[in-house]
Amino acid sequence: MIILYYSFFFSILFQLFQYSHSIPKLNIDVTKHALSTDEVLKSPHYKNKALHVELSTESGEELLEHWSTQGFSGLIAAIATRRLPLVEKYHQMTHQKCASEAETISEHARCLLELEKDAQDAIVL
């Protein structure tokens, strides 16, 4: 029953994020652009013990999307970690390969659904 619930949940999650896109990974060395503690404290953007950064609406939406993608990816990874011991080593390796190649939420959800299917098959056998 629980497996069916999770399968239903992740099929809805997959449908929900089917049209999501991945945010490209940037190769930026942040240490070259970092500010020292003194520079931050003297900055006009630092007020009342907080750093205030102006963002455009578009940048804010991109940041929110990135955070939500990271959150859902973490949730899916946590569930997958709990399911991995239920399947054979071959299926574990297949899932890890799938998850490492996944770049969007829908791809991560697809990997988890395959893992759930393999776990369900292992329980039935």
PDB file of N, CA and C in Angstrom:
ATOM      1  N   MET A   1       0.820  -1.197   0.000  1.00  0.00           N
ATOM      2  CA  MET A   1       0.000   0.000   0.000  1.00  0.00           C
ATOM      3  C   MET A   1       0.863   1.259   0.000  1.00  0.00           C
ATOM      4  N   ILE A   2       1.924   1.244   0.822  1.00  0.00           N
ATOM      5  CA  ILE A   2       2.799   2.416   0.895  1.00  0.00           C
ATOM      6  C   ILE A   2       3.513   2.625  -0.431  1.00  0.00           C
ATOM      7  N   ILE A   3       3.933   1.528  -1.070  1.00  0.00           N
ATOM      8  CA  ILE A   3       4.622   1.632  -2.362  1.00  0.00           C
ATOM      9  C   ILE A   3       3.683   2.246  -3.394  1.00  0.00           C
ATOM     10  N   LEU A   4       2.428   1.848  -3.383  1.00  0.00           N
ATOM     11  CA  LEU A   4       1.466   2.418  -4.325  1.00  0.00           C
ATOM     12  C   LEU A   4       1.272   3.905  -4.078  1.00  0.00           C
ATOM     13  N   TYR A   5       1.254   4.301  -2.808  1.00  0.00           N
ATOM     14  CA  TYR A   5       1.110   5.713  -2.473  1.00  0.00           C
ATOM     15  C   TYR A   5       2.283   6.507  -3.024  1.00  0.00           C
ATOM     16  N   TYR A   6       3.509   5.996  -2.796  1.00  0.00           N
ATOM     17  CA  TYR A   6       4.694   6.701  -3.290  1.00  0.00           C
ATOM     18  C   TYR A   6       4.718   6.726  -4.816  1.00  0.00           C
ATOM     19  N   SER A   7       4.319   5.636  -5.449  1.00  0.00           N
ATOM     20  CA  SER A   7       4.282   5.617  -6.912  1.00  0.00           C
ATOM     21  C   SER A   7       3.306   6.658  -7.428  1.00  0.00           C
ATOM     22  N   PHE A   8       2.143   6.750  -6.788  1.00  0.00           N
ATOM     23  CA  PHE A   8       1.154   7.750  -7.178  1.00  0.00           C
ATOM     24  C   PHE A   8       1.697   9.155  -6.956  1.00  0.00           C
ATOM     25  N   PHE A   9       2.315   9.383  -5.794  1.00  0.00           N
ATOM     26  CA  PHE A   9       2.874  10.692  -5.464  1.00  0.00           C
ATOM     27  C   PHE A   9       3.921  11.114  -6.483  1.00  0.00           C
ATOM     28  N   PHE A  10       4.831  10.209  -6.832  1.00  0.00           N
ATOM     29  CA  PHE A  10       5.901  10.582  -7.748  1.00  0.00           C
ATOM     30  C   PHE A  10       5.436  10.639  -9.193  1.00  0.00           C
ATOM     31  N   SER A  11       4.370   9.928  -9.536  1.00  0.00           N
ATOM     32  CA  SER A  11       3.835  10.105 -10.883  1.00  0.00           C
ATOM     33  C   SER A  11       3.211  11.491 -11.006  1.00  0.00           C
ATOM     34  N   ILE A  12       2.578  11.977  -9.937  1.00  0.00           N
ATOM     35  CA  ILE A  12       2.050  13.347  -9.941  1.00  0.00           C
ATOM     36  C   ILE A  12       3.202  14.345  -9.961  1.00  0.00           C
ATOM     37  N   LEU A  13       4.228  14.096  -9.165  1.00  0.00           N
ATOM     38  CA  LEU A  13       5.403  14.971  -9.144  1.00  0.00           C
ATOM     39  C   LEU A  13       6.055  15.026 -10.522  1.00  0.00           C
ATOM     40  N   PHE A  14       6.136  13.880 -11.188  1.00  0.00           N
ATOM     41  CA  PHE A  14       6.711  13.832 -12.530  1.00  0.00           C
ATOM     42  C   PHE A  14       5.877  14.677 -13.488  1.00  0.00           C
ATOM     43  N   GLN A  15       4.549  14.554 -13.425  1.00  0.00           N
ATOM     44  CA  GLN A  15       3.679  15.346 -14.290  1.00  0.00           C
ATOM     45  C   GLN A  15       3.803  16.829 -13.991  1.00  0.00           C
ATOM     46  N   LEU A  16       3.930  17.159 -12.721  1.00  0.00           N
ATOM     47  CA  LEU A  16       4.020  18.549 -12.306  1.00  0.00           C
ATOM     48  C   LEU A  16       5.268  19.220 -12.851  1.00  0.00           C
ATOM     49  N   PHE A  17       6.378  18.509 -12.860  1.00  0.00           N
ATOM     50  CA  PHE A  17       7.646  19.087 -13.298  1.00  0.00           C
ATOM     51  C   PHE A  17       8.087  18.588 -14.669  1.00  0.00           C
ATOM     52  N   GLN A  18       7.153  18.076 -15.443  1.00  0.00           N
ATOM     53  CA  GLN A  18       7.493  17.538 -16.750  1.00  0.00           C
ATOM     54  C   GLN A  18       8.088  18.610 -17.657  1.00  0.00           C
ATOM     55  N   TYR A  19       7.642  19.829 -17.494  1.00  0.00           N
ATOM     56  CA  TYR A  19       8.099  20.897 -18.368  1.00  0.00           C
ATOM     57  C   TYR A  19       9.164  21.768 -17.717  1.00  0.00           C
ATOM     58  N   SER A  20       9.723  21.315 -16.602  1.00  0.00           N
ATOM     59  CA  SER A  20      10.766  22.106 -15.947  1.00  0.00           C
ATOM     60  C   SER A  20      12.037  22.048 -16.780  1.00  0.00           C
ATOM     61  N   HIS A  21      12.859  23.031 -16.614  1.00  0.00           N
ATOM     62  CA  HIS A  21      14.128  23.054 -17.331  1.00  0.00           C
ATOM     63  C   HIS A  21      15.259  23.178 -16.325  1.00  0.00           C
ATOM     64  N   SER A  22      16.412  22.791 -16.769  1.00  0.00           N
ATOM     65  CA  SER A  22      17.545  22.857 -15.852  1.00  0.00           C
ATOM     66  C   SER A  22      18.226  24.205 -15.960  1.00  0.00           C
ATOM     67  N   ILE A  23      18.797  24.620 -14.861  1.00  0.00           N
ATOM     68  CA  ILE A  23      19.567  25.853 -14.838  1.00  0.00           C
ATOM     69  C   ILE A  23      21.005  25.474 -15.176  1.00  0.00           C
ATOM     70  N   PRO A  24      21.589  26.111 -16.186  1.00  0.00           N
ATOM     71  CA  PRO A  24      22.946  25.716 -16.575  1.00  0.00           C
ATOM     72  C   PRO A  24      23.940  25.939 -15.443  1.00  0.00           C
ATOM     73  N   LYS A  25      24.900  25.056 -15.364  1.00  0.00           N
ATOM     74  CA  LYS A  25      25.929  25.167 -14.340  1.00  0.00           C
ATOM     75  C   LYS A  25      27.027  26.091 -14.849  1.00  0.00           C
ATOM     76  N   LEU A  26      27.421  27.035 -14.019  1.00  0.00           N
ATOM     77  CA  LEU A  26      28.439  27.997 -14.403  1.00  0.00           C
ATOM     78  C   LEU A  26      29.769  27.620 -13.773  1.00  0.00           C
ATOM     79  N   ASN A  27      30.814  27.791 -14.525  1.00  0.00           N
ATOM     80  CA  ASN A  27      32.160  27.521 -14.015  1.00  0.00           C
ATOM     81  C   ASN A  27      32.800  28.836 -13.603  1.00  0.00           C
ATOM     82  N   ILE A  28      32.383  29.350 -12.452  1.00  0.00           N
ATOM     83  CA  ILE A  28      32.894  30.616 -11.942  1.00  0.00           C
ATOM     84  C   ILE A  28      33.663  30.343 -10.657  1.00  0.00           C
ATOM     85  N   ASP A  29      34.857  30.867 -10.582  1.00  0.00           N
ATOM     86  CA  ASP A  29      35.654  30.754  -9.362  1.00  0.00           C
ATOM     87  C   ASP A  29      35.256  31.903  -8.442  1.00  0.00           C
ATOM     88  N   VAL A  30      34.425  31.611  -7.447  1.00  0.00           N
ATOM     89  CA  VAL A  30      33.902  32.666  -6.582  1.00  0.00           C
ATOM     90  C   VAL A  30      34.964  33.267  -5.678  1.00  0.00           C
ATOM     91  N   THR A  31      36.068  32.575  -5.487  1.00  0.00           N
ATOM     92  CA  THR A  31      37.116  33.131  -4.629  1.00  0.00           C
ATOM     93  C   THR A  31      37.751  34.368  -5.246  1.00  0.00           C
ATOM     94  N   LYS A  32      37.700  34.487  -6.563  1.00  0.00           N
ATOM     95  CA  LYS A  32      38.249  35.672  -7.233  1.00  0.00           C
ATOM     96  C   LYS A  32      37.356  36.889  -7.027  1.00  0.00           C
ATOM     97  N   HIS A  33      36.075  36.661  -6.783  1.00  0.00           N
ATOM     98  CA  HIS A  33      35.105  37.744  -6.697  1.00  0.00           C
ATOM     99  C   HIS A  33      34.598  37.976  -5.281  1.00  0.00           C
ATOM    100  N   ALA A  34      35.118  37.256  -4.320  1.00  0.00           N
ATOM    101  CA  ALA A  34      34.628  37.360  -2.945  1.00  0.00           C
ATOM    102  C   ALA A  34      35.110  38.648  -2.284  1.00  0.00           C
ATOM    103  N   LEU A  35      34.293  39.141  -1.347  1.00  0.00           N
ATOM    104  CA  LEU A  35      34.645  40.330  -0.571  1.00  0.00           C
ATOM    105  C   LEU A  35      35.172  39.904   0.791  1.00  0.00           C
ATOM    106  N   SER A  36      36.073  40.695   1.322  1.00  0.00           N
ATOM    107  CA  SER A  36      36.550  40.423   2.676  1.00  0.00           C
ATOM    108  C   SER A  36      35.476  40.867   3.670  1.00  0.00           C
ATOM    109  N   THR A  37      35.620  40.469   4.914  1.00  0.00           N
ATOM    110  CA  THR A  37      34.659  40.852   5.950  1.00  0.00           C
ATOM    111  C   THR A  37      34.603  42.369   6.104  1.00  0.00           C
ATOM    112  N   ASP A  38      35.742  43.019   6.071  1.00  0.00           N
ATOM    113  CA  ASP A  38      35.777  44.489   6.189  1.00  0.00           C
ATOM    114  C   ASP A  38      35.068  45.158   5.018  1.00  0.00           C
ATOM    115  N   GLU A  39      35.263  44.623   3.809  1.00  0.00           N
ATOM    116  CA  GLU A  39      34.604  45.193   2.629  1.00  0.00           C
ATOM    117  C   GLU A  39      33.088  45.055   2.725  1.00  0.00           C
ATOM    118  N   VAL A  40      32.632  43.931   3.239  1.00  0.00           N
ATOM    119  CA  VAL A  40      31.188  43.730   3.401  1.00  0.00           C
ATOM    120  C   VAL A  40      30.633  44.708   4.427  1.00  0.00           C
ATOM    121  N   LEU A  41      31.301  44.856   5.558  1.00  0.00           N
ATOM    122  CA  LEU A  41      30.820  45.754   6.616  1.00  0.00           C
ATOM    123  C   LEU A  41      30.803  47.213   6.169  1.00  0.00           C
ATOM    124  N   LYS A  42      31.721  47.610   5.302  1.00  0.00           N
ATOM    125  CA  LYS A  42      31.783  48.991   4.811  1.00  0.00           C
ATOM    126  C   LYS A  42      30.885  49.225   3.600  1.00  0.00           C
ATOM    127  N   SER A  43      30.315  48.187   3.077  1.00  0.00           N
ATOM    128  CA  SER A  43      29.486  48.293   1.876  1.00  0.00           C
ATOM    129  C   SER A  43      28.211  49.090   2.158  1.00  0.00           C
ATOM    130  N   PRO A  44      27.751  49.900   1.194  1.00  0.00           N
ATOM    131  CA  PRO A  44      26.486  50.622   1.385  1.00  0.00           C
ATOM    132  C   PRO A  44      25.273  49.685   1.412  1.00  0.00           C
ATOM    133  N   HIS A  45      25.474  48.436   0.981  1.00  0.00           N
ATOM    134  CA  HIS A  45      24.376  47.464   0.986  1.00  0.00           C
ATOM    135  C   HIS A  45      24.231  46.752   2.325  1.00  0.00           C
ATOM    136  N   TYR A  46      25.182  46.958   3.226  1.00  0.00           N
ATOM    137  CA  TYR A  46      25.154  46.301   4.533  1.00  0.00           C
ATOM    138  C   TYR A  46      24.520  47.247   5.542  1.00  0.00           C
ATOM    139  N   LYS A  47      23.301  46.895   5.988  1.00  0.00           N
ATOM    140  CA  LYS A  47      22.569  47.732   6.939  1.00  0.00           C
ATOM    141  C   LYS A  47      21.924  46.838   7.991  1.00  0.00           C
ATOM    142  N   ASN A  48      21.954  47.283   9.214  1.00  0.00           N
ATOM    143  CA  ASN A  48      21.292  46.573  10.317  1.00  0.00           C
ATOM    144  C   ASN A  48      21.701  45.100  10.390  1.00  0.00           C
ATOM    145  N   LYS A  49      22.985  44.845  10.276  1.00  0.00           N
ATOM    146  CA  LYS A  49      23.550  43.502  10.380  1.00  0.00           C
ATOM    147  C   LYS A  49      23.025  42.545   9.310  1.00  0.00           C
ATOM    148  N   ALA A  50      22.636  43.085   8.168  1.00  0.00           N
ATOM    149  CA  ALA A  50      22.166  42.262   7.059  1.00  0.00           C
ATOM    150  C   ALA A  50      22.656  42.860   5.746  1.00  0.00           C
ATOM    151  N   LEU A  51      22.927  42.000   4.792  1.00  0.00           N
ATOM    152  CA  LEU A  51      23.367  42.440   3.476  1.00  0.00           C
ATOM    153  C   LEU A  51      22.142  42.509   2.573  1.00  0.00           C
ATOM    154  N   HIS A  52      21.844  43.678   2.048  1.00  0.00           N
ATOM    155  CA  HIS A  52      20.685  43.886   1.181  1.00  0.00           C
ATOM    156  C   HIS A  52      21.166  43.944  -0.262  1.00  0.00           C
ATOM    157  N   VAL A  53      20.683  43.039  -1.082  1.00  0.00           N
ATOM    158  CA  VAL A  53      21.112  42.956  -2.473  1.00  0.00           C
ATOM    159  C   VAL A  53      19.913  43.227  -3.366  1.00  0.00           C
ATOM    160  N   GLU A  54      20.083  44.150  -4.293  1.00  0.00           N
ATOM    161  CA  GLU A  54      19.027  44.457  -5.254  1.00  0.00           C
ATOM    162  C   GLU A  54      18.989  43.355  -6.312  1.00  0.00           C
ATOM    163  N   LEU A  55      17.807  42.822  -6.561  1.00  0.00           N
ATOM    164  CA  LEU A  55      17.620  41.798  -7.587  1.00  0.00           C
ATOM    165  C   LEU A  55      16.474  42.203  -8.486  1.00  0.00           C
ATOM    166  N   SER A  56      16.621  41.921  -9.767  1.00  0.00           N
ATOM    167  CA  SER A  56      15.495  42.133 -10.663  1.00  0.00           C
ATOM    168  C   SER A  56      14.473  41.027 -10.410  1.00  0.00           C
ATOM    169  N   THR A  57      13.266  41.239 -10.860  1.00  0.00           N
ATOM    170  CA  THR A  57      12.223  40.222 -10.693  1.00  0.00           C
ATOM    171  C   THR A  57      12.633  38.930 -11.380  1.00  0.00           C
ATOM    172  N   GLU A  58      13.216  39.061 -12.562  1.00  0.00           N
ATOM    173  CA  GLU A  58      13.642  37.878 -13.310  1.00  0.00           C
ATOM    174  C   GLU A  58      14.725  37.103 -12.553  1.00  0.00           C
ATOM    175  N   SER A  59      15.691  37.823 -12.001  1.00  0.00           N
ATOM    176  CA  SER A  59      16.754  37.164 -11.230  1.00  0.00           C
ATOM    177  C   SER A  59      16.196  36.500  -9.977  1.00  0.00           C
ATOM    178  N   GLY A  60      15.248  37.163  -9.327  1.00  0.00           N
ATOM    179  CA  GLY A  60      14.618  36.581  -8.149  1.00  0.00           C
ATOM    180  C   GLY A  60      13.869  35.309  -8.480  1.00  0.00           C
ATOM    181  N   GLU A  61      13.174  35.308  -9.622  1.00  0.00           N
ATOM    182  CA  GLU A  61      12.448  34.112 -10.046  1.00  0.00           C
ATOM    183  C   GLU A  61      13.411  32.975 -10.375  1.00  0.00           C
ATOM    184  N   GLU A  62      14.533  33.307 -11.021  1.00  0.00           N
ATOM    185  CA  GLU A  62      15.536  32.284 -11.324  1.00  0.00           C
ATOM    186  C   GLU A  62      16.118  31.699 -10.042  1.00  0.00           C
ATOM    187  N   LEU A  63      16.375  32.552  -9.080  1.00  0.00           N
ATOM    188  CA  LEU A  63      16.923  32.098  -7.802  1.00  0.00           C
ATOM    189  C   LEU A  63      15.914  31.215  -7.068  1.00  0.00           C
ATOM    190  N   LEU A  64      14.656  31.619  -7.061  1.00  0.00           N
ATOM    191  CA  LEU A  64      13.609  30.825  -6.423  1.00  0.00           C
ATOM    192  C   LEU A  64      13.465  29.470  -7.108  1.00  0.00           C
ATOM    193  N   GLU A  65      13.502  29.471  -8.440  1.00  0.00           N
ATOM    194  CA  GLU A  65      13.401  28.209  -9.173  1.00  0.00           C
ATOM    195  C   GLU A  65      14.591  27.302  -8.846  1.00  0.00           C
ATOM    196  N   HIS A  66      15.771  27.888  -8.773  1.00  0.00           N
ATOM    197  CA  HIS A  66      16.963  27.104  -8.447  1.00  0.00           C
ATOM    198  C   HIS A  66      16.835  26.489  -7.053  1.00  0.00           C
ATOM    199  N   TRP A  67      16.390  27.283  -6.075  1.00  0.00           N
ATOM    200  CA  TRP A  67      16.236  26.771  -4.709  1.00  0.00           C
ATOM    201  C   TRP A  67      15.180  25.672  -4.642  1.00  0.00           C
ATOM    202  N   SER A  68      14.063  25.866  -5.345  1.00  0.00           N
ATOM    203  CA  SER A  68      13.017  24.840  -5.309  1.00  0.00           C
ATOM    204  C   SER A  68      13.493  23.564  -5.999  1.00  0.00           C
ATOM    205  N   THR A  69      14.245  23.709  -7.091  1.00  0.00           N
ATOM    206  CA  THR A  69      14.808  22.543  -7.766  1.00  0.00           C
ATOM    207  C   THR A  69      15.753  21.794  -6.840  1.00  0.00           C
ATOM    208  N   GLN A  70      16.606  22.528  -6.141  1.00  0.00           N
ATOM    209  CA  GLN A  70      17.536  21.908  -5.197  1.00  0.00           C
ATOM    210  C   GLN A  70      16.776  21.205  -4.071  1.00  0.00           C
ATOM    211  N   GLY A  71      15.705  21.833  -3.583  1.00  0.00           N
ATOM    212  CA  GLY A  71      14.914  21.237  -2.507  1.00  0.00           C
ATOM    213  C   GLY A  71      14.248  19.943  -2.932  1.00  0.00           C
ATOM    214  N   PHE A  72      13.605  19.952  -4.105  1.00  0.00           N
ATOM    215  CA  PHE A  72      12.945  18.738  -4.585  1.00  0.00           C
ATOM    216  C   PHE A  72      13.965  17.652  -4.912  1.00  0.00           C
ATOM    217  N   SER A  73      15.105  18.042  -5.454  1.00  0.00           N
ATOM    218  CA  SER A  73      16.153  17.055  -5.735  1.00  0.00           C
ATOM    219  C   SER A  73      16.628  16.406  -4.440  1.00  0.00           C
ATOM    220  N   GLY A  74      16.774  17.203  -3.395  1.00  0.00           N
ATOM    221  CA  GLY A  74      17.172  16.664  -2.094  1.00  0.00           C
ATOM    222  C   GLY A  74      16.133  15.713  -1.527  1.00  0.00           C
ATOM    223  N   LEU A  75      14.858  16.072  -1.677  1.00  0.00           N
ATOM    224  CA  LEU A  75      13.773  15.209  -1.207  1.00  0.00           C
ATOM    225  C   LEU A  75      13.777  13.883  -1.957  1.00  0.00           C
ATOM    226  N   ILE A  76      13.899  13.948  -3.261  1.00  0.00           N
ATOM    227  CA  ILE A  76      13.919  12.734  -4.074  1.00  0.00           C
ATOM    228  C   ILE A  76      15.134  11.882  -3.721  1.00  0.00           C
ATOM    229  N   ALA A  77      16.284  12.519  -3.528  1.00  0.00           N
ATOM    230  CA  ALA A  77      17.498  11.780  -3.166  1.00  0.00           C
ATOM    231  C   ALA A  77      17.347  11.101  -1.806  1.00  0.00           C
ATOM    232  N   ALA A  78      16.701  11.773  -0.860  1.00  0.00           N
ATOM    233  CA  ALA A  78      16.502  11.183   0.471  1.00  0.00           C
ATOM    234  C   ALA A  78      15.608   9.949   0.392  1.00  0.00           C
ATOM    235  N   ILE A  79      14.553  10.032  -0.396  1.00  0.00           N
ATOM    236  CA  ILE A  79      13.659   8.879  -0.547  1.00  0.00           C
ATOM    237  C   ILE A  79      14.386   7.743  -1.254  1.00  0.00           C
ATOM    238  N   ALA A  80      15.153   8.083  -2.286  1.00  0.00           N
ATOM    239  CA  ALA A  80      15.901   7.056  -3.018  1.00  0.00           C
ATOM    240  C   ALA A  80      16.917   6.365  -2.113  1.00  0.00           C
ATOM    241  N   THR A  81      17.544   7.123  -1.242  1.00  0.00           N
ATOM    242  CA  THR A  81      18.523   6.544  -0.318  1.00  0.00           C
ATOM    243  C   THR A  81      17.869   5.506   0.587  1.00  0.00           C
ATOM    244  N   ARG A  82      16.630   5.760   0.987  1.00  0.00           N
ATOM    245  CA  ARG A  82      15.906   4.797   1.831  1.00  0.00           C
ATOM    246  C   ARG A  82      15.488   3.557   1.037  1.00  0.00           C
ATOM    247  N   ARG A  83      15.295   3.711  -0.278  1.00  0.00           N
ATOM    248  CA  ARG A  83      14.826   2.598  -1.109  1.00  0.00           C
ATOM    249  C   ARG A  83      15.966   1.722  -1.642  1.00  0.00           C
ATOM    250  N   LEU A  84      17.157   2.275  -1.750  1.00  0.00           N
ATOM    251  CA  LEU A  84      18.267   1.533  -2.360  1.00  0.00           C
ATOM    252  C   LEU A  84      18.542   0.177  -1.709  1.00  0.00           C
ATOM    253  N   PRO A  85      18.477   0.055  -0.375  1.00  0.00           N
ATOM    254  CA  PRO A  85      18.741  -1.270   0.215  1.00  0.00           C
ATOM    255  C   PRO A  85      17.696  -2.329  -0.150  1.00  0.00           C
ATOM    256  N   LEU A  86      16.557  -1.920  -0.683  1.00  0.00           N
ATOM    257  CA  LEU A  86      15.492  -2.871  -1.001  1.00  0.00           C
ATOM    258  C   LEU A  86      15.686  -3.560  -2.346  1.00  0.00           C
ATOM    259  N   VAL A  87      16.626  -3.072  -3.156  1.00  0.00           N
ATOM    260  CA  VAL A  87      16.794  -3.623  -4.502  1.00  0.00           C
ATOM    261  C   VAL A  87      18.165  -4.277  -4.640  1.00  0.00           C
ATOM    262  N   GLU A  88      18.297  -5.066  -5.695  1.00  0.00           N
ATOM    263  CA  GLU A  88      19.563  -5.737  -5.986  1.00  0.00           C
ATOM    264  C   GLU A  88      20.637  -4.724  -6.366  1.00  0.00           C
ATOM    265  N   LYS A  89      21.881  -5.152  -6.255  1.00  0.00           N
ATOM    266  CA  LYS A  89      23.031  -4.288  -6.546  1.00  0.00           C
ATOM    267  C   LYS A  89      22.956  -3.727  -7.973  1.00  0.00           C
ATOM    268  N   TYR A  90      22.520  -4.550  -8.914  1.00  0.00           N
ATOM    269  CA  TYR A  90      22.417  -4.103 -10.303  1.00  0.00           C
ATOM    270  C   TYR A  90      21.468  -2.912 -10.419  1.00  0.00           C
ATOM    271  N   HIS A  91      20.313  -3.003  -9.759  1.00  0.00           N
ATOM    272  CA  HIS A  91      19.338  -1.910  -9.808  1.00  0.00           C
ATOM    273  C   HIS A  91      19.854  -0.678  -9.066  1.00  0.00           C
ATOM    274  N   GLN A  92      20.624  -0.887  -8.005  1.00  0.00           N
ATOM    275  CA  GLN A  92      21.224   0.249  -7.295  1.00  0.00           C
ATOM    276  C   GLN A  92      22.163   1.015  -8.218  1.00  0.00           C
ATOM    277  N   MET A  93      23.000   0.278  -8.940  1.00  0.00           N
ATOM    278  CA  MET A  93      23.945   0.928  -9.847  1.00  0.00           C
ATOM    279  C   MET A  93      23.214   1.626 -10.996  1.00  0.00           C
ATOM    280  N   THR A  94      22.148   1.001 -11.487  1.00  0.00           N
ATOM    281  CA  THR A  94      21.352   1.616 -12.551  1.00  0.00           C
ATOM    282  C   THR A  94      20.736   2.919 -12.064  1.00  0.00           C
ATOM    283  N   HIS A  95      20.201   2.907 -10.842  1.00  0.00           N
ATOM    284  CA  HIS A  95      19.603   4.130 -10.296  1.00  0.00           C
ATOM    285  C   HIS A  95      20.659   5.212 -10.092  1.00  0.00           C
ATOM    286  N   GLN A  96      21.798   4.858  -9.561  1.00  0.00           N
ATOM    287  CA  GLN A  96      22.842   5.857  -9.321  1.00  0.00           C
ATOM    288  C   GLN A  96      23.321   6.482 -10.624  1.00  0.00           C
ATOM    289  N   LYS A  97      23.404   5.690 -11.680  1.00  0.00           N
ATOM    290  CA  LYS A  97      23.792   6.226 -12.990  1.00  0.00           C
ATOM    291  C   LYS A  97      22.710   7.169 -13.506  1.00  0.00           C
ATOM    292  N   CYS A  98      21.460   6.741 -13.381  1.00  0.00           N
ATOM    293  CA  CYS A  98      20.332   7.569 -13.827  1.00  0.00           C
ATOM    294  C   CYS A  98      20.294   8.885 -13.059  1.00  0.00           C
ATOM    295  N   ALA A  99      20.431   8.812 -11.745  1.00  0.00           N
ATOM    296  CA  ALA A  99      20.358  10.016 -10.908  1.00  0.00           C
ATOM    297  C   ALA A  99      21.521  10.962 -11.172  1.00  0.00           C
ATOM    298  N   SER A 100      22.696  10.420 -11.446  1.00  0.00           N
ATOM    299  CA  SER A 100      23.846  11.297 -11.692  1.00  0.00           C
ATOM    300  C   SER A 100      23.730  12.009 -13.034  1.00  0.00           C
ATOM    301  N   GLU A 101      23.011  11.419 -13.978  1.00  0.00           N
ATOM    302  CA  GLU A 101      22.826  12.048 -15.288  1.00  0.00           C
ATOM    303  C   GLU A 101      21.619  12.975 -15.320  1.00  0.00           C
ATOM    304  N   ALA A 102      20.732  12.877 -14.335  1.00  0.00           N
ATOM    305  CA  ALA A 102      19.513  13.693 -14.304  1.00  0.00           C
ATOM    306  C   ALA A 102      19.855  15.147 -14.012  1.00  0.00           C
ATOM    307  N   GLU A 103      19.240  16.047 -14.781  1.00  0.00           N
ATOM    308  CA  GLU A 103      19.476  17.477 -14.583  1.00  0.00           C
ATOM    309  C   GLU A 103      18.211  18.236 -14.203  1.00  0.00           C
ATOM    310  N   THR A 104      17.063  17.629 -14.405  1.00  0.00           N
ATOM    311  CA  THR A 104      15.808  18.300 -14.069  1.00  0.00           C
ATOM    312  C   THR A 104      15.057  17.474 -13.028  1.00  0.00           C
ATOM    313  N   ILE A 105      14.056  18.108 -12.436  1.00  0.00           N
ATOM    314  CA  ILE A 105      13.227  17.414 -11.443  1.00  0.00           C
ATOM    315  C   ILE A 105      12.513  16.229 -12.084  1.00  0.00           C
ATOM    316  N   SER A 106      12.014  16.409 -13.297  1.00  0.00           N
ATOM    317  CA  SER A 106      11.289  15.315 -13.948  1.00  0.00           C
ATOM    318  C   SER A 106      12.206  14.126 -14.207  1.00  0.00           C
ATOM    319  N   GLU A 107      13.465  14.380 -14.548  1.00  0.00           N
ATOM    320  CA  GLU A 107      14.413  13.284 -14.752  1.00  0.00           C
ATOM    321  C   GLU A 107      14.731  12.587 -13.426  1.00  0.00           C
ATOM    322  N   HIS A 108      14.882  13.350 -12.350  1.00  0.00           N
ATOM    323  CA  HIS A 108      15.105  12.747 -11.026  1.00  0.00           C
ATOM    324  C   HIS A 108      13.892  11.918 -10.613  1.00  0.00           C
ATOM    325  N   ALA A 109      12.702  12.440 -10.871  1.00  0.00           N
ATOM    326  CA  ALA A 109      11.476  11.713 -10.520  1.00  0.00           C
ATOM    327  C   ALA A 109      11.364  10.426 -11.329  1.00  0.00           C
ATOM    328  N   ARG A 110      11.740  10.476 -12.599  1.00  0.00           N
ATOM    329  CA  ARG A 110      11.695   9.280 -13.445  1.00  0.00           C
ATOM    330  C   ARG A 110      12.638   8.205 -12.879  1.00  0.00           C
ATOM    331  N   CYS A 111      13.825   8.615 -12.446  1.00  0.00           N
ATOM    332  CA  CYS A 111      14.778   7.665 -11.851  1.00  0.00           C
ATOM    333  C   CYS A 111      14.199   7.039 -10.581  1.00  0.00           C
ATOM    334  N   LEU A 112      13.559   7.865  -9.762  1.00  0.00           N
ATOM    335  CA  LEU A 112      12.974   7.358  -8.522  1.00  0.00           C
ATOM    336  C   LEU A 112      11.814   6.414  -8.807  1.00  0.00           C
ATOM    337  N   LEU A 113      10.999   6.717  -9.809  1.00  0.00           N
ATOM    338  CA  LEU A 113       9.896   5.824 -10.160  1.00  0.00           C
ATOM    339  C   LEU A 113      10.419   4.463 -10.609  1.00  0.00           C
ATOM    340  N   GLU A 114      11.503   4.452 -11.365  1.00  0.00           N
ATOM    341  CA  GLU A 114      12.110   3.180 -11.769  1.00  0.00           C
ATOM    342  C   GLU A 114      12.615   2.412 -10.547  1.00  0.00           C
ATOM    343  N   LEU A 115      13.218   3.123  -9.616  1.00  0.00           N
ATOM    344  CA  LEU A 115      13.704   2.487  -8.388  1.00  0.00           C
ATOM    345  C   LEU A 115      12.534   1.925  -7.580  1.00  0.00           C
ATOM    346  N   GLU A 116      11.447   2.679  -7.483  1.00  0.00           N
ATOM    347  CA  GLU A 116      10.251   2.207  -6.767  1.00  0.00           C
ATOM    348  C   GLU A 116       9.687   0.960  -7.436  1.00  0.00           C
ATOM    349  N   LYS A 117       9.675   0.953  -8.769  1.00  0.00           N
ATOM    350  CA  LYS A 117       9.178  -0.213  -9.506  1.00  0.00           C
ATOM    351  C   LYS A 117      10.057  -1.425  -9.214  1.00  0.00           C
ATOM    352  N   ASP A 118      11.371  -1.233  -9.227  1.00  0.00           N
ATOM    353  CA  ASP A 118      12.294  -2.331  -8.924  1.00  0.00           C
ATOM    354  C   ASP A 118      12.115  -2.818  -7.485  1.00  0.00           C
ATOM    355  N   ALA A 119      11.902  -1.900  -6.549  1.00  0.00           N
ATOM    356  CA  ALA A 119      11.683  -2.276  -5.148  1.00  0.00           C
ATOM    357  C   ALA A 119      10.382  -3.053  -5.006  1.00  0.00           C
ATOM    358  N   GLN A 120       9.344  -2.621  -5.712  1.00  0.00           N
ATOM    359  CA  GLN A 120       8.055  -3.320  -5.668  1.00  0.00           C
ATOM    360  C   GLN A 120       8.201  -4.730  -6.237  1.00  0.00           C
ATOM    361  N   ASP A 121       8.931  -4.856  -7.345  1.00  0.00           N
ATOM    362  CA  ASP A 121       9.157  -6.175  -7.942  1.00  0.00           C
ATOM    363  C   ASP A 121       9.941  -7.075  -6.990  1.00  0.00           C
ATOM    364  N   ALA A 122      10.901  -6.502  -6.263  1.00  0.00           N
ATOM    365  CA  ALA A 122      11.702  -7.284  -5.314  1.00  0.00           C
ATOM    366  C   ALA A 122      10.846  -7.777  -4.154  1.00  0.00           C
ATOM    367  N   ILE A 123       9.884  -6.964  -3.720  1.00  0.00           N
ATOM    368  CA  ILE A 123       9.000  -7.356  -2.620  1.00  0.00           C
ATOM    369  C   ILE A 123       8.063  -8.466  -3.066  1.00  0.00           C
ATOM    370  N   VAL A 124       7.546  -8.367  -4.301  1.00  0.00           N
ATOM    371  CA  VAL A 124       6.618  -9.363  -4.824  1.00  0.00           C
ATOM    372  C   VAL A 124       7.319 -10.704  -4.999  1.00  0.00           C
ATOM    373  N   LEU A 125       8.567 -10.674  -5.451  1.00  0.00           N
ATOM    374  CA  LEU A 125       9.310 -11.924  -5.654  1.00  0.00           C
ATOM    375  C   LEU A 125       9.675 -12.477  -4.321  1.00  0.00           C
TER     376      LEU A 125
END
